[in-house]
Amino acid sequence: MNAGEILLVEDNPDDAELTRLAFAEANVPNPLVVVRDGAEALDYVFARGGWAHRDPSRQPALVLLDLNLPKLDGREVLQAIRADTRTRALPVVVLTTSVEPLDLDASYALGVNSYIRKPVDFDQFVSAVRQVVQYWLVLNQPRSA
């Protein structure tokens, strides 16, 4: 399993806590780093601002990205990640409550790896977390650097 950090970009504290609980329930060993807006997400990924102390060569194993965020929305974050050669191959999964077809289409057009609607039921959410982690951190074979 890829033991790198999982970056959760989520502005809703309740959803962030629900995700933490789901990760604990699913026994995900990876550290979960939570940022609250799109600007902070890019600061983390590119090791700048409040995250300048972070080693920029150690990218997260996975980014879980909400779409509706303050400062920069999820689409802008995804666009910036895909525009930089250092992060172009970073696995990004949109994790959202949006059921808008335009959000789905725009996310894939910008290069998201997967788009998941957050299940409302906690047990289903835990199951979704298990499956996402199993696929992206165990089964998937990332492109070599």
N, C-alpha and C. Protein backbone atom coordinates (compact mmCIF):
# COMPACT_ATOMS: atom_id res chain seq x y z
N MET A 1 0.85 -1.19 0.00
CA MET A 1 0.00 0.00 0.00
C MET A 1 0.88 1.24 0.00
N ASN A 2 0.47 2.27 -0.74
CA ASN A 2 1.15 3.55 -0.74
C ASN A 2 0.83 4.22 0.59
N ALA A 3 1.85 4.44 1.40
CA ALA A 3 1.64 4.95 2.76
C ALA A 3 1.68 6.47 2.82
N GLY A 4 1.69 7.15 1.68
CA GLY A 4 1.72 8.60 1.67
C GLY A 4 0.47 9.20 2.25
N GLU A 5 0.54 10.50 2.47
CA GLU A 5 -0.59 11.23 3.02
C GLU A 5 -1.73 11.32 2.01
N ILE A 6 -2.92 11.43 2.54
CA ILE A 6 -4.09 11.70 1.72
C ILE A 6 -4.50 13.13 2.04
N LEU A 7 -4.60 13.95 1.01
CA LEU A 7 -4.99 15.34 1.18
C LEU A 7 -6.49 15.45 0.97
N LEU A 8 -7.20 15.87 2.00
CA LEU A 8 -8.64 16.11 1.91
C LEU A 8 -8.86 17.61 1.82
N VAL A 9 -9.47 18.04 0.75
CA VAL A 9 -9.77 19.47 0.55
C VAL A 9 -11.27 19.63 0.76
N GLU A 10 -11.63 20.11 1.96
CA GLU A 10 -13.03 20.14 2.38
C GLU A 10 -13.25 21.33 3.30
N ASP A 11 -14.15 22.22 2.92
CA ASP A 11 -14.40 23.41 3.72
C ASP A 11 -15.43 23.20 4.82
N ASN A 12 -16.24 22.17 4.72
CA ASN A 12 -17.27 21.92 5.72
C ASN A 12 -16.68 21.07 6.86
N PRO A 13 -16.57 21.65 8.08
CA PRO A 13 -15.96 20.92 9.19
C PRO A 13 -16.69 19.61 9.51
N ASP A 14 -18.02 19.59 9.35
CA ASP A 14 -18.77 18.37 9.63
C ASP A 14 -18.42 17.27 8.62
N ASP A 15 -18.31 17.65 7.33
CA ASP A 15 -17.92 16.66 6.32
C ASP A 15 -16.48 16.20 6.51
N ALA A 16 -15.61 17.10 6.92
CA ALA A 16 -14.22 16.72 7.19
C ALA A 16 -14.15 15.72 8.34
N GLU A 17 -14.92 15.97 9.39
CA GLU A 17 -14.94 15.06 10.53
C GLU A 17 -15.57 13.72 10.15
N LEU A 18 -16.63 13.75 9.36
CA LEU A 18 -17.25 12.52 8.88
C LEU A 18 -16.23 11.70 8.07
N THR A 19 -15.44 12.38 7.26
CA THR A 19 -14.42 11.69 6.47
C THR A 19 -13.36 11.09 7.37
N ARG A 20 -12.94 11.84 8.39
CA ARG A 20 -11.97 11.29 9.37
C ARG A 20 -12.52 10.02 10.02
N LEU A 21 -13.77 10.09 10.44
CA LEU A 21 -14.39 8.93 11.09
C LEU A 21 -14.48 7.75 10.12
N ALA A 22 -14.83 8.03 8.87
CA ALA A 22 -14.92 6.97 7.86
C ALA A 22 -13.55 6.35 7.63
N PHE A 23 -12.50 7.15 7.60
CA PHE A 23 -11.14 6.62 7.43
C PHE A 23 -10.75 5.75 8.61
N ALA A 24 -11.10 6.18 9.81
CA ALA A 24 -10.80 5.37 11.01
C ALA A 24 -11.59 4.07 10.97
N GLU A 25 -12.87 4.15 10.63
CA GLU A 25 -13.72 2.95 10.56
C GLU A 25 -13.22 1.97 9.49
N ALA A 26 -12.69 2.52 8.40
CA ALA A 26 -12.19 1.68 7.30
C ALA A 26 -10.75 1.24 7.53
N ASN A 27 -10.18 1.62 8.68
CA ASN A 27 -8.80 1.25 9.04
C ASN A 27 -7.78 1.68 7.98
N VAL A 28 -7.94 2.89 7.48
CA VAL A 28 -7.00 3.44 6.50
C VAL A 28 -5.77 3.91 7.27
N PRO A 29 -4.59 3.34 6.97
CA PRO A 29 -3.39 3.69 7.73
C PRO A 29 -2.76 5.02 7.31
N ASN A 30 -3.12 5.53 6.16
CA ASN A 30 -2.50 6.76 5.66
C ASN A 30 -2.91 7.97 6.49
N PRO A 31 -1.95 8.85 6.77
CA PRO A 31 -2.32 10.10 7.46
C PRO A 31 -3.25 10.92 6.57
N LEU A 32 -4.24 11.54 7.19
CA LEU A 32 -5.19 12.38 6.48
C LEU A 32 -4.87 13.83 6.83
N VAL A 33 -4.52 14.62 5.82
CA VAL A 33 -4.25 16.05 5.99
C VAL A 33 -5.46 16.78 5.44
N VAL A 34 -6.03 17.68 6.26
CA VAL A 34 -7.23 18.40 5.86
C VAL A 34 -6.89 19.87 5.66
N VAL A 35 -7.28 20.39 4.50
CA VAL A 35 -7.19 21.83 4.24
C VAL A 35 -8.59 22.32 3.93
N ARG A 36 -8.85 23.60 4.20
CA ARG A 36 -10.23 24.11 4.20
C ARG A 36 -10.63 24.92 2.97
N ASP A 37 -9.69 25.22 2.08
CA ASP A 37 -10.06 25.98 0.89
C ASP A 37 -9.10 25.67 -0.25
N GLY A 38 -9.47 26.14 -1.43
CA GLY A 38 -8.67 25.83 -2.61
C GLY A 38 -7.29 26.44 -2.59
N ALA A 39 -7.15 27.64 -2.06
CA ALA A 39 -5.83 28.28 -1.99
C ALA A 39 -4.90 27.49 -1.08
N GLU A 40 -5.42 27.04 0.07
CA GLU A 40 -4.59 26.25 0.98
C GLU A 40 -4.23 24.90 0.36
N ALA A 41 -5.13 24.34 -0.42
CA ALA A 41 -4.84 23.07 -1.10
C ALA A 41 -3.63 23.24 -2.02
N LEU A 42 -3.60 24.31 -2.80
CA LEU A 42 -2.47 24.54 -3.70
C LEU A 42 -1.21 24.88 -2.92
N ASP A 43 -1.36 25.60 -1.80
CA ASP A 43 -0.19 25.86 -0.95
C ASP A 43 0.40 24.54 -0.45
N TYR A 44 -0.46 23.61 -0.06
CA TYR A 44 0.02 22.31 0.40
C TYR A 44 0.72 21.56 -0.73
N VAL A 45 0.06 21.44 -1.86
CA VAL A 45 0.60 20.67 -2.98
C VAL A 45 1.93 21.24 -3.46
N PHE A 46 2.03 22.56 -3.51
CA PHE A 46 3.23 23.20 -4.04
C PHE A 46 4.19 23.68 -2.94
N ALA A 47 3.92 23.29 -1.68
CA ALA A 47 4.80 23.59 -0.54
C ALA A 47 5.14 25.09 -0.48
N ARG A 48 4.09 25.89 -0.34
CA ARG A 48 4.29 27.33 -0.23
C ARG A 48 3.37 27.87 0.86
N GLY A 49 3.47 29.16 1.15
CA GLY A 49 2.63 29.77 2.17
C GLY A 49 2.80 29.06 3.51
N GLY A 50 1.68 28.74 4.14
CA GLY A 50 1.71 28.05 5.44
C GLY A 50 2.27 26.64 5.37
N TRP A 51 2.45 26.13 4.17
CA TRP A 51 3.00 24.77 3.98
C TRP A 51 4.40 24.80 3.37
N ALA A 52 5.07 25.95 3.42
CA ALA A 52 6.40 26.09 2.81
C ALA A 52 7.43 25.15 3.46
N HIS A 53 7.19 24.73 4.68
CA HIS A 53 8.12 23.82 5.38
C HIS A 53 8.05 22.38 4.84
N ARG A 54 7.00 22.07 4.10
CA ARG A 54 6.79 20.72 3.60
C ARG A 54 7.73 20.43 2.43
N ASP A 55 8.20 19.20 2.33
CA ASP A 55 9.06 18.79 1.23
C ASP A 55 8.21 18.67 -0.04
N PRO A 56 8.43 19.55 -1.03
CA PRO A 56 7.58 19.53 -2.23
C PRO A 56 7.76 18.27 -3.08
N SER A 57 8.82 17.54 -2.87
CA SER A 57 9.01 16.31 -3.65
C SER A 57 8.16 15.16 -3.11
N ARG A 58 7.63 15.30 -1.90
CA ARG A 58 6.76 14.27 -1.31
C ARG A 58 5.31 14.68 -1.53
N GLN A 59 4.78 14.26 -2.66
CA GLN A 59 3.40 14.59 -2.98
C GLN A 59 2.46 13.64 -2.25
N PRO A 60 1.22 14.09 -2.00
CA PRO A 60 0.25 13.18 -1.39
C PRO A 60 0.02 11.96 -2.27
N ALA A 61 -0.33 10.86 -1.64
CA ALA A 61 -0.66 9.65 -2.39
C ALA A 61 -1.96 9.82 -3.14
N LEU A 62 -2.83 10.69 -2.62
CA LEU A 62 -4.16 10.88 -3.18
C LEU A 62 -4.71 12.22 -2.71
N VAL A 63 -5.42 12.91 -3.59
CA VAL A 63 -6.13 14.14 -3.22
C VAL A 63 -7.62 13.87 -3.35
N LEU A 64 -8.35 14.11 -2.26
CA LEU A 64 -9.81 14.04 -2.26
C LEU A 64 -10.30 15.48 -2.27
N LEU A 65 -10.96 15.87 -3.33
CA LEU A 65 -11.24 17.27 -3.60
C LEU A 65 -12.73 17.56 -3.67
N ASP A 66 -13.19 18.44 -2.79
CA ASP A 66 -14.56 18.95 -2.89
C ASP A 66 -14.57 19.99 -4.01
N LEU A 67 -15.71 20.23 -4.59
CA LEU A 67 -15.79 21.21 -5.69
C LEU A 67 -16.10 22.62 -5.21
N ASN A 68 -17.02 22.74 -4.29
CA ASN A 68 -17.47 24.06 -3.85
C ASN A 68 -16.66 24.49 -2.63
N LEU A 69 -15.62 25.29 -2.92
CA LEU A 69 -14.68 25.71 -1.89
C LEU A 69 -14.53 27.22 -1.89
N PRO A 70 -14.16 27.80 -0.75
CA PRO A 70 -13.85 29.22 -0.74
C PRO A 70 -12.49 29.50 -1.40
N LYS A 71 -12.27 30.75 -1.74
CA LYS A 71 -11.05 31.28 -2.35
C LYS A 71 -10.85 30.77 -3.77
N LEU A 72 -10.54 29.50 -3.94
CA LEU A 72 -10.47 28.87 -5.27
C LEU A 72 -11.37 27.65 -5.21
N ASP A 73 -12.20 27.45 -6.21
CA ASP A 73 -13.06 26.26 -6.16
C ASP A 73 -12.28 25.02 -6.63
N GLY A 74 -12.90 23.88 -6.48
CA GLY A 74 -12.24 22.62 -6.80
C GLY A 74 -11.79 22.51 -8.24
N ARG A 75 -12.56 23.10 -9.14
CA ARG A 75 -12.17 23.07 -10.56
C ARG A 75 -10.88 23.85 -10.79
N GLU A 76 -10.75 25.00 -10.11
CA GLU A 76 -9.53 25.80 -10.23
C GLU A 76 -8.32 25.07 -9.63
N VAL A 77 -8.55 24.38 -8.52
CA VAL A 77 -7.48 23.60 -7.90
C VAL A 77 -7.04 22.49 -8.86
N LEU A 78 -8.00 21.78 -9.40
CA LEU A 78 -7.70 20.69 -10.33
C LEU A 78 -6.95 21.21 -11.55
N GLN A 79 -7.38 22.33 -12.08
CA GLN A 79 -6.73 22.92 -13.25
C GLN A 79 -5.27 23.26 -12.94
N ALA A 80 -5.01 23.83 -11.77
CA ALA A 80 -3.64 24.19 -11.39
C ALA A 80 -2.77 22.95 -11.19
N ILE A 81 -3.33 21.91 -10.61
CA ILE A 81 -2.59 20.66 -10.41
C ILE A 81 -2.23 20.04 -11.75
N ARG A 82 -3.16 20.02 -12.67
CA ARG A 82 -2.91 19.40 -13.98
C ARG A 82 -2.00 20.26 -14.87
N ALA A 83 -1.93 21.56 -14.60
CA ALA A 83 -1.12 22.45 -15.43
C ALA A 83 0.38 22.38 -15.09
N ASP A 84 0.73 21.81 -13.96
CA ASP A 84 2.13 21.77 -13.52
C ASP A 84 2.70 20.38 -13.75
N THR A 85 3.84 20.29 -14.41
CA THR A 85 4.44 18.99 -14.71
C THR A 85 4.78 18.20 -13.44
N ARG A 86 5.05 18.88 -12.34
CA ARG A 86 5.39 18.19 -11.08
C ARG A 86 4.20 17.46 -10.47
N THR A 87 3.00 17.91 -10.81
CA THR A 87 1.80 17.35 -10.16
C THR A 87 0.79 16.79 -11.15
N ARG A 88 1.12 16.82 -12.41
CA ARG A 88 0.16 16.41 -13.44
C ARG A 88 -0.37 14.99 -13.22
N ALA A 89 0.47 14.09 -12.72
CA ALA A 89 0.05 12.69 -12.54
C ALA A 89 -0.52 12.41 -11.15
N LEU A 90 -0.62 13.42 -10.30
CA LEU A 90 -1.15 13.25 -8.95
C LEU A 90 -2.60 12.75 -9.01
N PRO A 91 -2.92 11.63 -8.36
CA PRO A 91 -4.30 11.14 -8.40
C PRO A 91 -5.24 12.09 -7.64
N VAL A 92 -6.25 12.57 -8.35
CA VAL A 92 -7.23 13.48 -7.75
C VAL A 92 -8.61 12.87 -7.95
N VAL A 93 -9.32 12.73 -6.83
CA VAL A 93 -10.68 12.20 -6.84
C VAL A 93 -11.60 13.29 -6.30
N VAL A 94 -12.57 13.68 -7.10
CA VAL A 94 -13.58 14.62 -6.62
C VAL A 94 -14.51 13.83 -5.71
N LEU A 95 -14.70 14.38 -4.51
CA LEU A 95 -15.60 13.79 -3.51
C LEU A 95 -16.57 14.89 -3.14
N THR A 96 -17.79 14.80 -3.64
CA THR A 96 -18.71 15.92 -3.56
C THR A 96 -20.15 15.46 -3.36
N THR A 97 -20.99 16.39 -2.96
CA THR A 97 -22.42 16.11 -2.89
C THR A 97 -23.12 16.56 -4.17
N SER A 98 -22.40 17.21 -5.06
CA SER A 98 -23.00 17.75 -6.28
C SER A 98 -23.52 16.63 -7.19
N VAL A 99 -24.74 16.83 -7.66
CA VAL A 99 -25.32 15.91 -8.64
C VAL A 99 -25.48 16.60 -9.99
N GLU A 100 -24.85 17.75 -10.14
CA GLU A 100 -24.94 18.52 -11.36
C GLU A 100 -24.13 17.88 -12.49
N PRO A 101 -24.76 17.55 -13.61
CA PRO A 101 -24.02 16.98 -14.74
C PRO A 101 -22.89 17.89 -15.22
N LEU A 102 -23.07 19.21 -15.12
CA LEU A 102 -22.02 20.14 -15.53
C LEU A 102 -20.77 20.01 -14.66
N ASP A 103 -20.95 19.77 -13.35
CA ASP A 103 -19.80 19.57 -12.46
C ASP A 103 -19.05 18.30 -12.84
N LEU A 104 -19.80 17.25 -13.11
CA LEU A 104 -19.20 15.98 -13.52
C LEU A 104 -18.41 16.15 -14.82
N ASP A 105 -19.04 16.74 -15.82
CA ASP A 105 -18.38 16.92 -17.11
C ASP A 105 -17.17 17.83 -17.01
N ALA A 106 -17.30 18.94 -16.28
CA ALA A 106 -16.18 19.88 -16.13
C ALA A 106 -15.01 19.22 -15.40
N SER A 107 -15.30 18.41 -14.39
CA SER A 107 -14.23 17.74 -13.63
C SER A 107 -13.44 16.80 -14.53
N TYR A 108 -14.14 16.01 -15.32
CA TYR A 108 -13.44 15.10 -16.23
C TYR A 108 -12.70 15.86 -17.33
N ALA A 109 -13.28 16.95 -17.82
CA ALA A 109 -12.61 17.76 -18.84
C ALA A 109 -11.30 18.35 -18.31
N LEU A 110 -11.26 18.61 -17.00
CA LEU A 110 -10.05 19.17 -16.39
C LEU A 110 -9.05 18.11 -15.94
N GLY A 111 -9.41 16.84 -16.10
CA GLY A 111 -8.45 15.78 -15.83
C GLY A 111 -8.58 15.07 -14.50
N VAL A 112 -9.76 15.14 -13.87
CA VAL A 112 -9.93 14.39 -12.62
C VAL A 112 -9.81 12.90 -12.91
N ASN A 113 -9.29 12.15 -11.95
CA ASN A 113 -9.16 10.71 -12.12
C ASN A 113 -10.45 9.97 -11.84
N SER A 114 -11.27 10.52 -10.93
CA SER A 114 -12.50 9.85 -10.56
C SER A 114 -13.43 10.89 -9.93
N TYR A 115 -14.72 10.66 -10.04
CA TYR A 115 -15.74 11.57 -9.50
C TYR A 115 -16.69 10.74 -8.68
N ILE A 116 -16.76 11.03 -7.38
CA ILE A 116 -17.59 10.24 -6.48
C ILE A 116 -18.55 11.16 -5.74
N ARG A 117 -19.82 10.81 -5.81
CA ARG A 117 -20.81 11.53 -5.01
C ARG A 117 -20.82 10.93 -3.61
N LYS A 118 -20.72 11.79 -2.62
CA LYS A 118 -20.67 11.34 -1.23
C LYS A 118 -21.99 10.66 -0.87
N PRO A 119 -21.92 9.41 -0.44
CA PRO A 119 -23.15 8.77 0.04
C PRO A 119 -23.63 9.46 1.31
N VAL A 120 -24.94 9.56 1.47
CA VAL A 120 -25.51 10.19 2.65
C VAL A 120 -25.40 9.26 3.85
N ASP A 121 -25.59 7.98 3.65
CA ASP A 121 -25.54 6.98 4.71
C ASP A 121 -24.08 6.75 5.13
N PHE A 122 -23.81 6.78 6.45
CA PHE A 122 -22.44 6.65 6.95
C PHE A 122 -21.82 5.31 6.56
N ASP A 123 -22.55 4.22 6.68
CA ASP A 123 -22.00 2.91 6.32
C ASP A 123 -21.63 2.84 4.84
N GLN A 124 -22.46 3.45 4.00
CA GLN A 124 -22.14 3.50 2.57
C GLN A 124 -20.92 4.39 2.32
N PHE A 125 -20.79 5.46 3.11
CA PHE A 125 -19.64 6.34 2.98
C PHE A 125 -18.36 5.60 3.37
N VAL A 126 -18.40 4.84 4.46
CA VAL A 126 -17.25 4.05 4.88
C VAL A 126 -16.88 3.05 3.78
N SER A 127 -17.88 2.42 3.20
CA SER A 127 -17.64 1.47 2.11
C SER A 127 -16.99 2.18 0.92
N ALA A 128 -17.47 3.37 0.59
CA ALA A 128 -16.89 4.13 -0.52
C ALA A 128 -15.44 4.49 -0.22
N VAL A 129 -15.15 4.90 1.00
CA VAL A 129 -13.77 5.22 1.40
C VAL A 129 -12.88 4.00 1.25
N ARG A 130 -13.35 2.85 1.73
CA ARG A 130 -12.57 1.62 1.60
C ARG A 130 -12.24 1.33 0.13
N GLN A 131 -13.25 1.46 -0.72
CA GLN A 131 -13.05 1.16 -2.13
C GLN A 131 -12.10 2.15 -2.80
N VAL A 132 -12.23 3.43 -2.49
CA VAL A 132 -11.34 4.44 -3.06
C VAL A 132 -9.90 4.17 -2.65
N VAL A 133 -9.71 3.93 -1.36
CA VAL A 133 -8.35 3.67 -0.85
C VAL A 133 -7.81 2.37 -1.44
N GLN A 134 -8.62 1.34 -1.48
CA GLN A 134 -8.17 0.06 -2.05
C GLN A 134 -7.73 0.23 -3.49
N TYR A 135 -8.51 0.95 -4.27
CA TYR A 135 -8.16 1.12 -5.67
C TYR A 135 -6.92 2.00 -5.83
N TRP A 136 -6.96 3.22 -5.29
CA TRP A 136 -5.90 4.20 -5.57
C TRP A 136 -4.60 3.92 -4.85
N LEU A 137 -4.65 3.28 -3.69
CA LEU A 137 -3.41 3.09 -2.92
C LEU A 137 -2.92 1.65 -2.90
N VAL A 138 -3.72 0.71 -3.38
CA VAL A 138 -3.29 -0.68 -3.38
C VAL A 138 -3.26 -1.22 -4.81
N LEU A 139 -4.38 -1.17 -5.51
CA LEU A 139 -4.49 -1.81 -6.81
C LEU A 139 -3.87 -1.00 -7.95
N ASN A 140 -4.08 0.30 -7.95
CA ASN A 140 -3.61 1.14 -9.05
C ASN A 140 -2.09 1.14 -9.13
N GLN A 141 -1.59 1.04 -10.33
CA GLN A 141 -0.15 1.13 -10.57
C GLN A 141 0.15 2.51 -11.14
N PRO A 142 0.70 3.42 -10.30
CA PRO A 142 0.95 4.77 -10.80
C PRO A 142 2.08 4.79 -11.83
N ARG A 143 2.03 5.79 -12.68
CA ARG A 143 3.09 6.01 -13.67
C ARG A 143 4.36 6.36 -12.91
N SER A 144 5.48 5.83 -13.35
CA SER A 144 6.74 6.15 -12.68
C SER A 144 7.15 7.57 -13.00
N ALA A 145 7.88 8.17 -12.07
CA ALA A 145 8.27 9.58 -12.23
C ALA A 145 9.26 9.77 -13.33
